[in-house]
Amino acid sequence: MKLWADLVAAARTDDPLQGAANRIALFVGTSQPFYPLGLVWVMGDAAWASAIAWVTTPVFLAVPFVGRVRPALARLLVALAGTFVTTMVALRLGVASWVEAYHLPVLLVGLLLFRRGEGLAQGLSLGLPVLGFALVHGLGPAPAVVDGAESLQWLHGAGALILSAYVIYEARNAQKRGVATSGQASV
């Protein structure tokens, strides 16, 4: 329980954009460990390929702590970890699983959670998911083909839309608190 209390305390901030990034990162970081287990339950042992997702869980959980010292870097970490996990799982499960749909909420983080003047961090946040998507769709090694991966299309499509809606919700709340973001007109 001490770890959870530390995470909640670290997530509190006076910076509305960082608060949004903290809540998004904690949402993903605390639910992500269950993702491979759920896939194994649905698909069987072939889904253990998705266990690569566990690698980024500590990164998501570290965002509130990094945000206390380097807020733009912390928000960039959300996009970097999201891009990495999405690309790696897509390469392991294949495009039939639609897991690469999770690049959409990562793009929204890049578009909506950076201030004017944070161009490099924002550029990386927007460019890396595009590169990850391109890697999965033919510019890199051929993704694996896992039997039954097509059964995950609904799960990944709906999950990516829900996470996208949550990112938009958090960005809009930050905007209401008076933060001028580079994607302000888009919210």
Protein backbone atom coordinates (compact mmCIF):
# COMPACT_ATOMS: atom_id res chain seq x y z
CA MET A 1 0.00 0.00 0.00
CA LYS A 2 2.95 2.36 0.54
CA LEU A 3 3.79 2.18 -3.16
CA TRP A 4 0.22 3.12 -4.11
CA ALA A 5 0.23 6.01 -1.64
CA ASP A 6 3.54 7.21 -3.08
CA LEU A 7 2.15 7.01 -6.63
CA VAL A 8 -0.98 8.95 -5.73
CA ALA A 9 1.05 11.59 -3.88
CA ALA A 10 3.48 11.94 -6.78
CA ALA A 11 0.62 12.29 -9.25
CA ARG A 12 -0.67 15.42 -7.48
CA THR A 13 0.67 18.57 -9.10
CA ASP A 14 -0.27 22.18 -9.74
CA ASP A 15 0.62 21.73 -13.43
CA PRO A 16 -2.60 20.68 -15.20
CA LEU A 17 -0.80 19.14 -18.20
CA GLN A 18 1.50 17.14 -15.98
CA GLY A 19 -1.47 16.08 -13.87
CA ALA A 20 -3.21 14.81 -17.00
CA ALA A 21 -0.08 12.91 -18.07
CA ASN A 22 0.29 11.48 -14.56
CA ARG A 23 -3.28 10.17 -14.51
CA ILE A 24 -2.98 8.70 -18.02
CA ALA A 25 0.35 7.06 -17.14
CA LEU A 26 -1.02 5.61 -13.90
CA PHE A 27 -4.15 4.36 -15.68
CA VAL A 28 -2.03 2.53 -18.24
CA GLY A 29 0.69 1.47 -15.81
CA THR A 30 -1.71 -0.09 -13.31
CA SER A 31 -3.86 -1.87 -15.90
CA GLN A 32 -1.07 -2.98 -18.23
CA PRO A 33 0.19 -5.89 -16.10
CA PHE A 34 -3.17 -7.62 -16.60
CA TYR A 35 -3.15 -7.22 -20.40
CA PRO A 36 -1.00 -10.28 -21.24
CA LEU A 37 -2.88 -12.39 -18.71
CA GLY A 38 -6.20 -11.49 -20.33
CA LEU A 39 -4.86 -12.31 -23.77
CA VAL A 40 -3.62 -15.70 -22.60
CA TRP A 41 -7.08 -16.36 -21.19
CA VAL A 42 -8.68 -15.46 -24.56
CA MET A 43 -6.08 -16.92 -26.97
CA GLY A 44 -4.12 -19.49 -25.03
CA ASP A 45 -0.36 -19.86 -24.75
CA ALA A 46 0.34 -18.09 -28.07
CA ALA A 47 -0.57 -14.80 -26.38
CA TRP A 48 2.42 -14.96 -24.04
CA ALA A 49 4.15 -13.04 -26.82
CA SER A 50 2.33 -10.00 -25.43
CA ALA A 51 4.21 -10.26 -22.12
CA ILE A 52 6.68 -7.76 -23.61
CA ALA A 53 4.13 -5.20 -22.36
CA TRP A 54 5.42 -5.73 -18.83
CA VAL A 55 8.71 -4.07 -19.80
CA THR A 56 7.11 -0.61 -19.98
CA THR A 57 4.97 -0.83 -16.84
CA PRO A 58 7.70 0.71 -14.61
CA VAL A 59 8.16 3.53 -17.13
CA PHE A 60 4.49 4.47 -16.95
CA LEU A 61 4.58 4.28 -13.15
CA ALA A 62 7.69 6.52 -13.06
CA VAL A 63 6.02 9.38 -15.00
CA PRO A 64 4.69 11.24 -11.90
CA PHE A 65 8.12 11.10 -10.25
CA VAL A 66 9.96 12.29 -13.38
CA GLY A 67 7.31 14.97 -13.83
CA ARG A 68 8.30 16.62 -10.57
CA VAL A 69 11.73 17.41 -12.00
CA ARG A 70 11.30 17.40 -15.80
CA PRO A 71 7.62 17.73 -16.80
CA ALA A 72 8.14 17.76 -20.58
CA LEU A 73 10.34 14.67 -20.33
CA ALA A 74 7.70 12.91 -18.24
CA ARG A 75 5.03 13.62 -20.85
CA LEU A 76 7.43 12.42 -23.54
CA LEU A 77 7.90 9.19 -21.55
CA VAL A 78 4.17 8.51 -21.82
CA ALA A 79 4.46 8.68 -25.61
CA LEU A 80 7.76 6.76 -25.78
CA ALA A 81 6.53 3.91 -23.59
CA GLY A 82 3.19 3.81 -25.42
CA THR A 83 4.89 3.69 -28.79
CA PHE A 84 7.36 1.03 -27.69
CA VAL A 85 4.79 -1.30 -26.15
CA THR A 86 2.35 -0.91 -29.03
CA THR A 87 5.00 -1.54 -31.68
CA MET A 88 6.58 -4.49 -29.88
CA VAL A 89 3.29 -6.24 -29.18
CA ALA A 90 2.13 -5.61 -32.76
CA LEU A 91 5.34 -7.14 -34.09
CA ARG A 92 4.80 -10.17 -31.84
CA LEU A 93 1.04 -10.69 -32.35
CA GLY A 94 0.79 -9.44 -35.93
CA VAL A 95 -1.40 -6.84 -37.60
CA ALA A 96 -4.42 -9.15 -37.54
CA SER A 97 -4.74 -8.34 -33.83
CA TRP A 98 -5.20 -4.58 -34.47
CA VAL A 99 -2.98 -3.80 -31.49
CA GLU A 100 -1.38 -0.99 -33.48
CA ALA A 101 -4.64 0.94 -32.98
CA TYR A 102 -3.06 2.02 -29.68
CA HIS A 103 -0.83 4.36 -31.67
CA LEU A 104 -3.89 6.67 -31.85
CA PRO A 105 -3.96 7.58 -28.12
CA VAL A 106 -0.18 8.00 -28.25
CA LEU A 107 -0.59 10.49 -31.09
CA LEU A 108 -3.21 12.31 -29.03
CA VAL A 109 -0.78 12.57 -26.12
CA GLY A 110 1.72 14.14 -28.51
CA LEU A 111 -0.84 16.51 -29.95
CA LEU A 112 -2.62 17.59 -26.77
CA LEU A 113 -0.28 17.34 -23.77
CA PHE A 114 2.55 19.65 -24.76
CA ARG A 115 2.87 23.39 -24.39
CA ARG A 116 3.93 25.77 -27.07
CA GLY A 117 7.71 25.83 -27.00
CA GLU A 118 8.08 22.11 -26.26
CA GLY A 119 8.51 21.37 -29.94
CA LEU A 120 11.24 18.74 -29.75
CA ALA A 121 9.41 16.63 -27.16
CA GLN A 122 6.16 17.07 -29.05
CA GLY A 123 7.79 16.23 -32.38
CA LEU A 124 9.17 12.99 -30.94
CA SER A 125 5.80 12.20 -29.36
CA LEU A 126 4.12 12.59 -32.76
CA GLY A 127 6.83 11.08 -34.94
CA LEU A 128 7.61 7.91 -33.04
CA PRO A 129 4.10 6.39 -33.21
CA VAL A 130 4.03 7.10 -36.95
CA LEU A 131 7.40 5.37 -37.27
CA GLY A 132 6.16 2.47 -35.12
CA PHE A 133 3.06 2.10 -37.28
CA ALA A 134 5.20 2.16 -40.44
CA LEU A 135 7.54 -0.43 -38.92
CA VAL A 136 4.65 -2.78 -38.23
CA HIS A 137 3.16 -2.21 -41.69
CA GLY A 138 6.03 -3.10 -43.92
CA LEU A 139 9.04 -0.89 -43.33
CA GLY A 140 10.54 -3.26 -40.81
CA PRO A 141 10.70 -6.99 -40.24
CA ALA A 142 7.51 -8.90 -40.99
CA PRO A 143 5.33 -9.12 -37.87
CA ALA A 144 4.61 -12.51 -36.46
CA VAL A 145 1.40 -14.28 -37.32
CA VAL A 146 -0.18 -15.70 -34.20
CA ASP A 147 -3.12 -18.05 -34.61
CA GLY A 148 -6.25 -16.51 -33.17
CA ALA A 149 -4.88 -12.93 -33.16
CA GLU A 150 -7.85 -11.77 -35.23
CA SER A 151 -10.06 -12.56 -32.22
CA LEU A 152 -8.45 -9.54 -30.53
CA GLN A 153 -9.58 -6.96 -33.09
CA TRP A 154 -12.62 -5.86 -31.12
CA LEU A 155 -10.66 -5.74 -27.85
CA HIS A 156 -7.84 -3.63 -29.29
CA GLY A 157 -10.08 -1.39 -31.37
CA ALA A 158 -12.40 -0.63 -28.45
CA GLY A 159 -9.52 -0.30 -26.01
CA ALA A 160 -7.70 2.19 -28.23
CA LEU A 161 -10.88 4.26 -28.63
CA ILE A 162 -11.54 4.26 -24.88
CA LEU A 163 -7.96 5.26 -24.10
CA SER A 164 -8.14 7.96 -26.80
CA ALA A 165 -11.32 9.34 -25.24
CA TYR A 166 -9.62 9.38 -21.84
CA VAL A 167 -6.60 11.28 -23.22
CA ILE A 168 -8.96 13.84 -24.80
CA TYR A 169 -10.91 14.12 -21.53
CA GLU A 170 -7.73 14.76 -19.51
CA ALA A 171 -6.39 17.25 -22.09
CA ARG A 172 -9.69 19.12 -22.12
CA ASN A 173 -9.69 19.36 -18.33
CA ALA A 174 -6.12 20.71 -18.41
CA GLN A 175 -7.20 23.26 -21.00
CA LYS A 176 -10.12 24.36 -18.83
CA ARG A 177 -7.62 25.10 -16.10
CA GLY A 178 -6.04 27.68 -18.40
CA VAL A 179 -3.15 25.78 -19.96
CA ALA A 180 -2.27 26.88 -23.48
CA THR A 181 -1.27 23.70 -25.30
CA SER A 182 -0.01 23.37 -28.83
CA GLY A 183 -3.12 21.31 -29.65
CA GLN A 184 -5.53 23.69 -27.93
CA ALA A 185 -7.76 24.18 -30.94
CA SER A 186 -8.08 20.42 -31.38
CA VAL A 187 -9.65 19.68 -28.00
